[in-house]
Amino acid sequence: MNQRMRLWVLLLTISSGEAVAIAFAGRSREKSFGEHTGGYSTSNGRYPLPDGAALFLCNAIEADRTGKLYPDGLDPDVVITELESRPEEDQDQALAAAEKWLSEEGSR
């Protein structure tokens, strides 16, 4: 499979969303656009307590295929200034940048 992938990430991209973005990070046919992610790129373990309650603790930090850890989230390849609210589709800078990248890659 030789298809291109574009990912949009933002501050609200956390936990399993960050894990997906990290899995694609650094691939030659992938590019991410948007904002720094939320920084919850951890795995949690459940530890039962004697009284029946449970304690959930962070026990791992997400890493990419090279072993690089992401303890504070992920910066996209193309940073788009953080916004107070999402713009309309025709004014979305991240979307425009991603579409431009795809059209440039498609002509190669």
PDB file of N, CA and C in Angstrom:
ATOM      1  N   MET A   1       0.845  -1.179   0.000  1.00  0.00           N
ATOM      2  CA  MET A   1       0.000   0.000   0.000  1.00  0.00           C
ATOM      3  C   MET A   1       0.889   1.239   0.000  1.00  0.00           C
ATOM      4  N   ASN A   2       0.652   2.122  -0.929  1.00  0.00           N
ATOM      5  CA  ASN A   2       1.519   3.276  -1.090  1.00  0.00           C
ATOM      6  C   ASN A   2       0.704   4.569  -1.063  1.00  0.00           C
ATOM      7  N   GLN A   3      -0.288   4.634  -0.187  1.00  0.00           N
ATOM      8  CA  GLN A   3      -1.135   5.810  -0.111  1.00  0.00           C
ATOM      9  C   GLN A   3      -0.596   6.807   0.902  1.00  0.00           C
ATOM     10  N   ARG A   4      -0.936   8.075   0.675  1.00  0.00           N
ATOM     11  CA  ARG A   4      -0.542   9.125   1.601  1.00  0.00           C
ATOM     12  C   ARG A   4      -1.570   9.220   2.719  1.00  0.00           C
ATOM     13  N   MET A   5      -1.122   9.688   3.860  1.00  0.00           N
ATOM     14  CA  MET A   5      -1.998   9.850   5.021  1.00  0.00           C
ATOM     15  C   MET A   5      -1.812  11.250   5.557  1.00  0.00           C
ATOM     16  N   ARG A   6      -2.888  11.935   5.836  1.00  0.00           N
ATOM     17  CA  ARG A   6      -2.798  13.224   6.516  1.00  0.00           C
ATOM     18  C   ARG A   6      -3.576  13.109   7.816  1.00  0.00           C
ATOM     19  N   LEU A   7      -3.006  13.666   8.851  1.00  0.00           N
ATOM     20  CA  LEU A   7      -3.633  13.623  10.168  1.00  0.00           C
ATOM     21  C   LEU A   7      -3.821  15.036  10.684  1.00  0.00           C
ATOM     22  N   TRP A   8      -4.974  15.305  11.247  1.00  0.00           N
ATOM     23  CA  TRP A   8      -5.202  16.569  11.933  1.00  0.00           C
ATOM     24  C   TRP A   8      -5.108  16.287  13.416  1.00  0.00           C
ATOM     25  N   VAL A   9      -4.310  17.069  14.105  1.00  0.00           N
ATOM     26  CA  VAL A   9      -4.199  16.926  15.554  1.00  0.00           C
ATOM     27  C   VAL A   9      -4.403  18.290  16.201  1.00  0.00           C
ATOM     28  N   LEU A  10      -4.901  18.280  17.411  1.00  0.00           N
ATOM     29  CA  LEU A  10      -5.103  19.520  18.138  1.00  0.00           C
ATOM     30  C   LEU A  10      -5.003  19.251  19.621  1.00  0.00           C
ATOM     31  N   LEU A  11      -5.129  20.285  20.401  1.00  0.00           N
ATOM     32  CA  LEU A  11      -4.996  20.174  21.852  1.00  0.00           C
ATOM     33  C   LEU A  11      -5.942  19.132  22.428  1.00  0.00           C
ATOM     34  N   LEU A  12      -7.081  18.932  21.802  1.00  0.00           N
ATOM     35  CA  LEU A  12      -8.046  17.942  22.277  1.00  0.00           C
ATOM     36  C   LEU A  12      -7.729  16.522  21.825  1.00  0.00           C
ATOM     37  N   THR A  13      -6.666  16.347  21.039  1.00  0.00           N
ATOM     38  CA  THR A  13      -6.213  15.000  20.666  1.00  0.00           C
ATOM     39  C   THR A  13      -5.424  14.467  21.855  1.00  0.00           C
ATOM     40  N   ILE A  14      -5.992  13.496  22.550  1.00  0.00           N
ATOM     41  CA  ILE A  14      -5.354  12.969  23.765  1.00  0.00           C
ATOM     42  C   ILE A  14      -5.417  11.442  23.779  1.00  0.00           C
ATOM     43  N   SER A  15      -4.620  10.857  24.641  1.00  0.00           N
ATOM     44  CA  SER A  15      -4.653   9.439  24.965  1.00  0.00           C
ATOM     45  C   SER A  15      -4.568   8.554  23.718  1.00  0.00           C
ATOM     46  N   SER A  16      -5.613   7.790  23.416  1.00  0.00           N
ATOM     47  CA  SER A  16      -5.543   6.870  22.276  1.00  0.00           C
ATOM     48  C   SER A  16      -5.421   7.627  20.963  1.00  0.00           C
ATOM     49  N   GLY A  17      -5.960   8.841  20.876  1.00  0.00           N
ATOM     50  CA  GLY A  17      -5.781   9.664  19.680  1.00  0.00           C
ATOM     51  C   GLY A  17      -4.322  10.016  19.468  1.00  0.00           C
ATOM     52  N   GLU A  18      -3.635  10.320  20.569  1.00  0.00           N
ATOM     53  CA  GLU A  18      -2.199  10.601  20.479  1.00  0.00           C
ATOM     54  C   GLU A  18      -1.436   9.335  20.086  1.00  0.00           C
ATOM     55  N   ALA A  19      -1.867   8.193  20.592  1.00  0.00           N
ATOM     56  CA  ALA A  19      -1.199   6.935  20.238  1.00  0.00           C
ATOM     57  C   ALA A  19      -1.279   6.694  18.732  1.00  0.00           C
ATOM     58  N   VAL A  20      -2.422   6.978  18.126  1.00  0.00           N
ATOM     59  CA  VAL A  20      -2.568   6.817  16.677  1.00  0.00           C
ATOM     60  C   VAL A  20      -1.640   7.787  15.949  1.00  0.00           C
ATOM     61  N   ALA A  21      -1.636   9.052  16.367  1.00  0.00           N
ATOM     62  CA  ALA A  21      -0.773  10.050  15.722  1.00  0.00           C
ATOM     63  C   ALA A  21       0.701   9.666  15.855  1.00  0.00           C
ATOM     64  N   ILE A  22       1.102   9.165  17.020  1.00  0.00           N
ATOM     65  CA  ILE A  22       2.484   8.744  17.244  1.00  0.00           C
ATOM     66  C   ILE A  22       2.831   7.542  16.370  1.00  0.00           C
ATOM     67  N   ALA A  23       1.882   6.646  16.167  1.00  0.00           N
ATOM     68  CA  ALA A  23       2.123   5.476  15.316  1.00  0.00           C
ATOM     69  C   ALA A  23       2.451   5.889  13.882  1.00  0.00           C
ATOM     70  N   PHE A  24       1.889   7.001  13.424  1.00  0.00           N
ATOM     71  CA  PHE A  24       2.143   7.472  12.069  1.00  0.00           C
ATOM     72  C   PHE A  24       3.307   8.453  11.988  1.00  0.00           C
ATOM     73  N   ALA A  25       3.761   8.987  13.100  1.00  0.00           N
ATOM     74  CA  ALA A  25       4.807  10.019  13.100  1.00  0.00           C
ATOM     75  C   ALA A  25       6.072   9.534  12.397  1.00  0.00           C
ATOM     76  N   GLY A  26       6.596  10.394  11.530  1.00  0.00           N
ATOM     77  CA  GLY A  26       7.861  10.104  10.874  1.00  0.00           C
ATOM     78  C   GLY A  26       7.776   9.232   9.636  1.00  0.00           C
ATOM     79  N   ARG A  27       6.613   8.764   9.289  1.00  0.00           N
ATOM     80  CA  ARG A  27       6.480   7.952   8.065  1.00  0.00           C
ATOM     81  C   ARG A  27       6.590   8.866   6.857  1.00  0.00           C
ATOM     82  N   SER A  28       7.217   8.402   5.814  1.00  0.00           N
ATOM     83  CA  SER A  28       7.502   9.259   4.661  1.00  0.00           C
ATOM     84  C   SER A  28       6.246   9.710   3.925  1.00  0.00           C
ATOM     85  N   ARG A  29       5.177   8.960   3.981  1.00  0.00           N
ATOM     86  CA  ARG A  29       3.965   9.327   3.241  1.00  0.00           C
ATOM     87  C   ARG A  29       2.866   9.813   4.180  1.00  0.00           C
ATOM     88  N   GLU A  30       3.276  10.258   5.362  1.00  0.00           N
ATOM     89  CA  GLU A  30       2.341  10.807   6.341  1.00  0.00           C
ATOM     90  C   GLU A  30       2.776  12.205   6.701  1.00  0.00           C
ATOM     91  N   LYS A  31       1.806  13.069   6.932  1.00  0.00           N
ATOM     92  CA  LYS A  31       2.100  14.401   7.431  1.00  0.00           C
ATOM     93  C   LYS A  31       0.962  14.803   8.358  1.00  0.00           C
ATOM     94  N   SER A  32       1.320  15.419   9.477  1.00  0.00           N
ATOM     95  CA  SER A  32       0.300  15.869  10.425  1.00  0.00           C
ATOM     96  C   SER A  32       0.209  17.385  10.389  1.00  0.00           C
ATOM     97  N   PHE A  33      -0.984  17.879  10.668  1.00  0.00           N
ATOM     98  CA  PHE A  33      -1.288  19.303  10.595  1.00  0.00           C
ATOM     99  C   PHE A  33      -2.096  19.689  11.833  1.00  0.00           C
ATOM    100  N   GLY A  34      -1.886  20.896  12.333  1.00  0.00           N
ATOM    101  CA  GLY A  34      -2.717  21.388  13.429  1.00  0.00           C
ATOM    102  C   GLY A  34      -1.922  21.942  14.579  1.00  0.00           C
ATOM    103  N   GLU A  35      -2.311  21.530  15.786  1.00  0.00           N
ATOM    104  CA  GLU A  35      -1.752  22.049  17.027  1.00  0.00           C
ATOM    105  C   GLU A  35      -1.037  20.942  17.802  1.00  0.00           C
ATOM    106  N   HIS A  36      -0.271  21.340  18.802  1.00  0.00           N
ATOM    107  CA  HIS A  36       0.341  20.381  19.729  1.00  0.00           C
ATOM    108  C   HIS A  36      -0.781  19.596  20.407  1.00  0.00           C
ATOM    109  N   THR A  37      -0.587  18.293  20.555  1.00  0.00           N
ATOM    110  CA  THR A  37      -1.623  17.467  21.176  1.00  0.00           C
ATOM    111  C   THR A  37      -1.675  17.685  22.687  1.00  0.00           C
ATOM    112  N   GLY A  38      -2.659  17.084  23.327  1.00  0.00           N
ATOM    113  CA  GLY A  38      -2.954  17.333  24.734  1.00  0.00           C
ATOM    114  C   GLY A  38      -1.912  16.878  25.740  1.00  0.00           C
ATOM    115  N   GLY A  39      -1.045  15.952  25.384  1.00  0.00           N
ATOM    116  CA  GLY A  39      -0.004  15.518  26.312  1.00  0.00           C
ATOM    117  C   GLY A  39      -0.421  14.410  27.264  1.00  0.00           C
ATOM    118  N   TYR A  40      -1.399  13.609  26.850  1.00  0.00           N
ATOM    119  CA  TYR A  40      -1.828  12.464  27.671  1.00  0.00           C
ATOM    120  C   TYR A  40      -1.469  11.162  26.963  1.00  0.00           C
ATOM    121  N   SER A  41      -0.241  11.103  26.485  1.00  0.00           N
ATOM    122  CA  SER A  41       0.206   9.945  25.701  1.00  0.00           C
ATOM    123  C   SER A  41       0.795   8.879  26.613  1.00  0.00           C
ATOM    124  N   THR A  42      -0.041   8.403  27.516  1.00  0.00           N
ATOM    125  CA  THR A  42       0.414   7.423  28.497  1.00  0.00           C
ATOM    126  C   THR A  42      -0.492   6.202  28.497  1.00  0.00           C
ATOM    127  N   SER A  43       0.011   5.165  29.100  1.00  0.00           N
ATOM    128  CA  SER A  43      -0.765   3.953  29.332  1.00  0.00           C
ATOM    129  C   SER A  43      -1.015   3.869  30.835  1.00  0.00           C
ATOM    130  N   ASN A  44      -2.183   3.395  31.191  1.00  0.00           N
ATOM    131  CA  ASN A  44      -2.528   3.302  32.610  1.00  0.00           C
ATOM    132  C   ASN A  44      -2.755   1.856  33.010  1.00  0.00           C
ATOM    133  N   GLY A  45      -2.324   1.527  34.202  1.00  0.00           N
ATOM    134  CA  GLY A  45      -2.535   0.198  34.739  1.00  0.00           C
ATOM    135  C   GLY A  45      -3.494   0.244  35.920  1.00  0.00           C
ATOM    136  N   ARG A  46      -4.299  -0.801  36.062  1.00  0.00           N
ATOM    137  CA  ARG A  46      -5.252  -0.912  37.177  1.00  0.00           C
ATOM    138  C   ARG A  46      -4.628  -1.765  38.258  1.00  0.00           C
ATOM    139  N   TYR A  47      -4.615  -1.219  39.462  1.00  0.00           N
ATOM    140  CA  TYR A  47      -4.036  -1.919  40.596  1.00  0.00           C
ATOM    141  C   TYR A  47      -5.110  -2.071  41.664  1.00  0.00           C
ATOM    142  N   PRO A  48      -5.627  -3.309  41.842  1.00  0.00           N
ATOM    143  CA  PRO A  48      -6.684  -3.540  42.825  1.00  0.00           C
ATOM    144  C   PRO A  48      -6.182  -3.286  44.253  1.00  0.00           C
ATOM    145  N   LEU A  49      -7.051  -2.743  45.064  1.00  0.00           N
ATOM    146  CA  LEU A  49      -6.754  -2.501  46.472  1.00  0.00           C
ATOM    147  C   LEU A  49      -7.515  -3.505  47.332  1.00  0.00           C
ATOM    148  N   PRO A  50      -7.033  -3.794  48.546  1.00  0.00           N
ATOM    149  CA  PRO A  50      -7.654  -4.816  49.398  1.00  0.00           C
ATOM    150  C   PRO A  50      -9.137  -4.590  49.681  1.00  0.00           C
ATOM    151  N   ASP A  51      -9.572  -3.341  49.692  1.00  0.00           N
ATOM    152  CA  ASP A  51     -10.972  -3.069  50.015  1.00  0.00           C
ATOM    153  C   ASP A  51     -11.895  -3.150  48.804  1.00  0.00           C
ATOM    154  N   GLY A  52     -11.376  -3.581  47.660  1.00  0.00           N
ATOM    155  CA  GLY A  52     -12.184  -3.718  46.456  1.00  0.00           C
ATOM    156  C   GLY A  52     -12.084  -2.526  45.510  1.00  0.00           C
ATOM    157  N   ALA A  53     -11.544  -1.435  45.989  1.00  0.00           N
ATOM    158  CA  ALA A  53     -11.335  -0.274  45.127  1.00  0.00           C
ATOM    159  C   ALA A  53     -10.144  -0.557  44.202  1.00  0.00           C
ATOM    160  N   ALA A  54      -9.885   0.340  43.319  1.00  0.00           N
ATOM    161  CA  ALA A  54      -8.752   0.173  42.407  1.00  0.00           C
ATOM    162  C   ALA A  54      -8.050   1.511  42.243  1.00  0.00           C
ATOM    163  N   LEU A  55      -6.764   1.428  42.021  1.00  0.00           N
ATOM    164  CA  LEU A  55      -5.935   2.604  41.775  1.00  0.00           C
ATOM    165  C   LEU A  55      -5.422   2.503  40.349  1.00  0.00           C
ATOM    166  N   PHE A  56      -5.611   3.552  39.569  1.00  0.00           N
ATOM    167  CA  PHE A  56      -5.125   3.584  38.193  1.00  0.00           C
ATOM    168  C   PHE A  56      -3.910   4.500  38.144  1.00  0.00           C
ATOM    169  N   LEU A  57      -2.787   3.957  37.713  1.00  0.00           N
ATOM    170  CA  LEU A  57      -1.539   4.720  37.647  1.00  0.00           C
ATOM    171  C   LEU A  57      -0.938   4.656  36.247  1.00  0.00           C
ATOM    172  N   CYS A  58      -0.303   5.740  35.875  1.00  0.00           N
ATOM    173  CA  CYS A  58       0.428   5.766  34.606  1.00  0.00           C
ATOM    174  C   CYS A  58       1.597   4.782  34.736  1.00  0.00           C
ATOM    175  N   ASN A  59       1.701   3.868  33.777  1.00  0.00           N
ATOM    176  CA  ASN A  59       2.794   2.896  33.849  1.00  0.00           C
ATOM    177  C   ASN A  59       3.630   2.831  32.574  1.00  0.00           C
ATOM    178  N   ALA A  60       3.311   3.685  31.593  1.00  0.00           N
ATOM    179  CA  ALA A  60       4.098   3.706  30.362  1.00  0.00           C
ATOM    180  C   ALA A  60       3.834   5.003  29.604  1.00  0.00           C
ATOM    181  N   ILE A  61       4.767   5.364  28.745  1.00  0.00           N
ATOM    182  CA  ILE A  61       4.648   6.534  27.879  1.00  0.00           C
ATOM    183  C   ILE A  61       4.732   6.050  26.442  1.00  0.00           C
ATOM    184  N   GLU A  62       3.879   6.584  25.582  1.00  0.00           N
ATOM    185  CA  GLU A  62       3.874   6.184  24.174  1.00  0.00           C
ATOM    186  C   GLU A  62       5.218   6.492  23.517  1.00  0.00           C
ATOM    187  N   ALA A  63       5.641   5.607  22.624  1.00  0.00           N
ATOM    188  CA  ALA A  63       6.878   5.786  21.862  1.00  0.00           C
ATOM    189  C   ALA A  63       6.596   5.448  20.404  1.00  0.00           C
ATOM    190  N   ASP A  64       7.346   6.067  19.511  1.00  0.00           N
ATOM    191  CA  ASP A  64       7.191   5.749  18.085  1.00  0.00           C
ATOM    192  C   ASP A  64       8.062   4.550  17.718  1.00  0.00           C
ATOM    193  N   ARG A  65       8.093   4.204  16.447  1.00  0.00           N
ATOM    194  CA  ARG A  65       8.807   3.005  15.999  1.00  0.00           C
ATOM    195  C   ARG A  65      10.305   3.068  16.206  1.00  0.00           C
ATOM    196  N   THR A  66      10.837   4.289  16.421  1.00  0.00           N
ATOM    197  CA  THR A  66      12.274   4.434  16.662  1.00  0.00           C
ATOM    198  C   THR A  66      12.617   4.420  18.146  1.00  0.00           C
ATOM    199  N   GLY A  67      11.586   4.399  18.987  1.00  0.00           N
ATOM    200  CA  GLY A  67      11.803   4.416  20.432  1.00  0.00           C
ATOM    201  C   GLY A  67      11.704   5.804  21.052  1.00  0.00           C
ATOM    202  N   LYS A  68      11.458   6.824  20.237  1.00  0.00           N
ATOM    203  CA  LYS A  68      11.316   8.185  20.758  1.00  0.00           C
ATOM    204  C   LYS A  68      10.051   8.269  21.608  1.00  0.00           C
ATOM    205  N   LEU A  69      10.209   8.763  22.829  1.00  0.00           N
ATOM    206  CA  LEU A  69       9.083   8.908  23.751  1.00  0.00           C
ATOM    207  C   LEU A  69       8.387  10.248  23.554  1.00  0.00           C
ATOM    208  N   TYR A  70       7.093  10.284  23.861  1.00  0.00           N
ATOM    209  CA  TYR A  70       6.286  11.498  23.736  1.00  0.00           C
ATOM    210  C   TYR A  70       5.579  11.783  25.069  1.00  0.00           C
ATOM    211  N   PRO A  71       6.315  12.146  26.103  1.00  0.00           N
ATOM    212  CA  PRO A  71       5.696  12.347  27.422  1.00  0.00           C
ATOM    213  C   PRO A  71       4.817  13.587  27.512  1.00  0.00           C
ATOM    214  N   ASP A  72       5.016  14.541  26.623  1.00  0.00           N
ATOM    215  CA  ASP A  72       4.258  15.794  26.685  1.00  0.00           C
ATOM    216  C   ASP A  72       3.445  16.033  25.425  1.00  0.00           C
ATOM    217  N   GLY A  73       3.104  15.007  24.695  1.00  0.00           N
ATOM    218  CA  GLY A  73       2.329  15.154  23.482  1.00  0.00           C
ATOM    219  C   GLY A  73       3.197  15.229  22.247  1.00  0.00           C
ATOM    220  N   LEU A  74       2.568  15.555  21.145  1.00  0.00           N
ATOM    221  CA  LEU A  74       3.201  15.496  19.827  1.00  0.00           C
ATOM    222  C   LEU A  74       2.998  16.817  19.099  1.00  0.00           C
ATOM    223  N   ASP A  75       4.078  17.335  18.510  1.00  0.00           N
ATOM    224  CA  ASP A  75       3.965  18.504  17.644  1.00  0.00           C
ATOM    225  C   ASP A  75       3.687  18.025  16.230  1.00  0.00           C
ATOM    226  N   PRO A  76       2.728  18.633  15.544  1.00  0.00           N
ATOM    227  CA  PRO A  76       2.471  18.223  14.163  1.00  0.00           C
ATOM    228  C   PRO A  76       3.604  18.662  13.243  1.00  0.00           C
ATOM    229  N   ASP A  77       3.672  18.060  12.077  1.00  0.00           N
ATOM    230  CA  ASP A  77       4.677  18.444  11.083  1.00  0.00           C
ATOM    231  C   ASP A  77       4.460  19.883  10.625  1.00  0.00           C
ATOM    232  N   VAL A  78       3.205  20.255  10.449  1.00  0.00           N
ATOM    233  CA  VAL A  78       2.847  21.614  10.030  1.00  0.00           C
ATOM    234  C   VAL A  78       2.004  22.220  11.148  1.00  0.00           C
ATOM    235  N   VAL A  79       2.606  23.158  11.872  1.00  0.00           N
ATOM    236  CA  VAL A  79       1.915  23.779  13.005  1.00  0.00           C
ATOM    237  C   VAL A  79       1.001  24.887  12.504  1.00  0.00           C
ATOM    238  N   ILE A  80      -0.238  24.820  12.911  1.00  0.00           N
ATOM    239  CA  ILE A  80      -1.218  25.861  12.624  1.00  0.00           C
ATOM    240  C   ILE A  80      -1.542  26.514  13.965  1.00  0.00           C
ATOM    241  N   THR A  81      -1.489  27.829  14.017  1.00  0.00           N
ATOM    242  CA  THR A  81      -1.701  28.560  15.259  1.00  0.00           C
ATOM    243  C   THR A  81      -2.964  28.092  15.969  1.00  0.00           C
ATOM    244  N   GLU A  82      -2.843  27.920  17.280  1.00  0.00           N
ATOM    245  CA  GLU A  82      -3.999  27.510  18.078  1.00  0.00           C
ATOM    246  C   GLU A  82      -5.112  28.536  17.958  1.00  0.00           C
ATOM    247  N   LEU A  83      -6.325  28.039  17.903  1.00  0.00           N
ATOM    248  CA  LEU A  83      -7.488  28.891  17.756  1.00  0.00           C
ATOM    249  C   LEU A  83      -8.418  28.718  18.947  1.00  0.00           C
ATOM    250  N   GLU A  84      -9.196  29.731  19.242  1.00  0.00           N
ATOM    251  CA  GLU A  84     -10.196  29.637  20.313  1.00  0.00           C
ATOM    252  C   GLU A  84     -11.310  28.669  19.930  1.00  0.00           C
ATOM    253  N   SER A  85     -11.666  28.645  18.656  1.00  0.00           N
ATOM    254  CA  SER A  85     -12.699  27.729  18.180  1.00  0.00           C
ATOM    255  C   SER A  85     -12.324  27.272  16.773  1.00  0.00           C
ATOM    256  N   ARG A  86     -12.902  26.195  16.333  1.00  0.00           N
ATOM    257  CA  ARG A  86     -12.602  25.666  15.012  1.00  0.00           C
ATOM    258  C   ARG A  86     -13.217  26.586  13.956  1.00  0.00           C
ATOM    259  N   PRO A  87     -12.463  26.910  12.908  1.00  0.00           N
ATOM    260  CA  PRO A  87     -12.995  27.772  11.847  1.00  0.00           C
ATOM    261  C   PRO A  87     -13.929  26.994  10.930  1.00  0.00           C
ATOM    262  N   GLU A  88     -14.658  27.748  10.121  1.00  0.00           N
ATOM    263  CA  GLU A  88     -15.468  27.113   9.086  1.00  0.00           C
ATOM    264  C   GLU A  88     -14.523  26.383   8.137  1.00  0.00           C
ATOM    265  N   GLU A  89     -15.009  25.341   7.493  1.00  0.00           N
ATOM    266  CA  GLU A  89     -14.160  24.500   6.646  1.00  0.00           C
ATOM    267  C   GLU A  89     -13.417  25.308   5.580  1.00  0.00           C
ATOM    268  N   ASP A  90     -14.075  26.300   4.963  1.00  0.00           N
ATOM    269  CA  ASP A  90     -13.425  27.064   3.903  1.00  0.00           C
ATOM    270  C   ASP A  90     -12.381  28.047   4.429  1.00  0.00           C
ATOM    271  N   GLN A  91     -12.262  28.181   5.778  1.00  0.00           N
ATOM    272  CA  GLN A  91     -11.277  29.081   6.382  1.00  0.00           C
ATOM    273  C   GLN A  91     -10.290  28.340   7.283  1.00  0.00           C
ATOM    274  N   ASP A  92     -10.316  27.013   7.244  1.00  0.00           N
ATOM    275  CA  ASP A  92      -9.478  26.191   8.121  1.00  0.00           C
ATOM    276  C   ASP A  92      -8.066  26.077   7.551  1.00  0.00           C
ATOM    277  N   GLN A  93      -7.086  26.691   8.213  1.00  0.00           N
ATOM    278  CA  GLN A  93      -5.704  26.699   7.732  1.00  0.00           C
ATOM    279  C   GLN A  93      -5.090  25.302   7.717  1.00  0.00           C
ATOM    280  N   ALA A  94      -5.416  24.484   8.718  1.00  0.00           N
ATOM    281  CA  ALA A  94      -4.876  23.118   8.766  1.00  0.00           C
ATOM    282  C   ALA A  94      -5.399  22.305   7.587  1.00  0.00           C
ATOM    283  N   LEU A  95      -6.678  22.430   7.304  1.00  0.00           N
ATOM    284  CA  LEU A  95      -7.269  21.715   6.180  1.00  0.00           C
ATOM    285  C   LEU A  95      -6.659  22.178   4.860  1.00  0.00           C
ATOM    286  N   ALA A  96      -6.501  23.490   4.694  1.00  0.00           N
ATOM    287  CA  ALA A  96      -5.906  24.031   3.465  1.00  0.00           C
ATOM    288  C   ALA A  96      -4.476  23.534   3.285  1.00  0.00           C
ATOM    289  N   ALA A  97      -3.690  23.518   4.362  1.00  0.00           N
ATOM    290  CA  ALA A  97      -2.299  23.046   4.277  1.00  0.00           C
ATOM    291  C   ALA A  97      -2.252  21.563   3.922  1.00  0.00           C
ATOM    292  N   ALA A  98      -3.142  20.773   4.507  1.00  0.00           N
ATOM    293  CA  ALA A  98      -3.176  19.342   4.209  1.00  0.00           C
ATOM    294  C   ALA A  98      -3.571  19.088   2.762  1.00  0.00           C
ATOM    295  N   GLU A  99      -4.568  19.815   2.277  1.00  0.00           N
ATOM    296  CA  GLU A  99      -4.991  19.637   0.896  1.00  0.00           C
ATOM    297  C   GLU A  99      -3.883  20.045  -0.073  1.00  0.00           C
ATOM    298  N   LYS A 100      -3.165  21.117   0.243  1.00  0.00           N
ATOM    299  CA  LYS A 100      -2.039  21.559  -0.601  1.00  0.00           C
ATOM    300  C   LYS A 100      -0.968  20.478  -0.640  1.00  0.00           C
ATOM    301  N   TRP A 101      -0.625  19.917   0.527  1.00  0.00           N
ATOM    302  CA  TRP A 101       0.396  18.872   0.586  1.00  0.00           C
ATOM    303  C   TRP A 101      -0.031  17.660  -0.238  1.00  0.00           C
ATOM    304  N   LEU A 102      -1.286  17.258  -0.105  1.00  0.00           N
ATOM    305  CA  LEU A 102      -1.753  16.104  -0.869  1.00  0.00           C
ATOM    306  C   LEU A 102      -1.702  16.360  -2.363  1.00  0.00           C
ATOM    307  N   SER A 103      -2.089  17.568  -2.800  1.00  0.00           N
ATOM    308  CA  SER A 103      -2.063  17.849  -4.235  1.00  0.00           C
ATOM    309  C   SER A 103      -0.635  17.896  -4.758  1.00  0.00           C
ATOM    310  N   GLU A 104       0.311  18.416  -3.962  1.00  0.00           N
ATOM    311  CA  GLU A 104       1.719  18.437  -4.367  1.00  0.00           C
ATOM    312  C   GLU A 104       2.274  17.027  -4.447  1.00  0.00           C
ATOM    313  N   GLU A 105       1.941  16.202  -3.456  1.00  0.00           N
ATOM    314  CA  GLU A 105       2.435  14.817  -3.442  1.00  0.00           C
ATOM    315  C   GLU A 105       1.834  14.034  -4.601  1.00  0.00           C
ATOM    316  N   GLY A 106       0.578  14.339  -4.918  1.00  0.00           N
ATOM    317  CA  GLY A 106      -0.095  13.613  -5.998  1.00  0.00           C
ATOM    318  C   GLY A 106       0.507  13.878  -7.356  1.00  0.00           C
ATOM    319  N   SER A 107       1.182  15.015  -7.502  1.00  0.00           N
ATOM    320  CA  SER A 107       1.782  15.348  -8.794  1.00  0.00           C
ATOM    321  C   SER A 107       3.181  14.766  -8.936  1.00  0.00           C
ATOM    322  N   ARG A 108       3.648  14.062  -7.926  1.00  0.00           N
ATOM    323  CA  ARG A 108       5.004  13.469  -7.980  1.00  0.00           C
ATOM    324  C   ARG A 108       4.966  12.078  -8.538  1.00  0.00           C
TER     325      ARG A 108
END
